[in-house]
Amino acid sequence: VILYGQSVGSGPTLELASRLPRLRAVVLHSPILSGVRVMYPVKRTYWFDIYKNIDKIPLVNCPVLIIHGTADEVVDFSHGKHLWELGKEKEVHNRSLRTTKNLKEVHNRSYIYEG
């Protein structure tokens, strides 16, 4: 099984991936660090925050591909990059970050315009 999650959908995807030990891979497209962090640049995770991807990514035990547009105006590119950095600390599995640059519709369509 390969799981795919885009934007807010990355939350349920990582929740499931952190619980399933035998996944083949996870693909995250424009993922969020957490629900609160989309709106506010907070440093800590609060109990009421939904989709705490920042805490879940280290628990994933399979290869992870993160796709994120560098000009994304909905979910800042820093979210995807930070998740990738947290994930790559686990040396057991491959982690990959794919970016797209200078695109108008990078949040929902970055995979179409990739060059």
Foldseek 3Di string as FASTA:
>chain_A
DEEEAAADRVLVRLVVQLVDQDDAEYEYELYACWQVCQPDVDDDDDPPIGSNLVVRLCSGDYEYEYEFECPDPRRHPVRSVSSQVSNVVPVPYHYYYHYAYDDDPTRPCVVVPRD
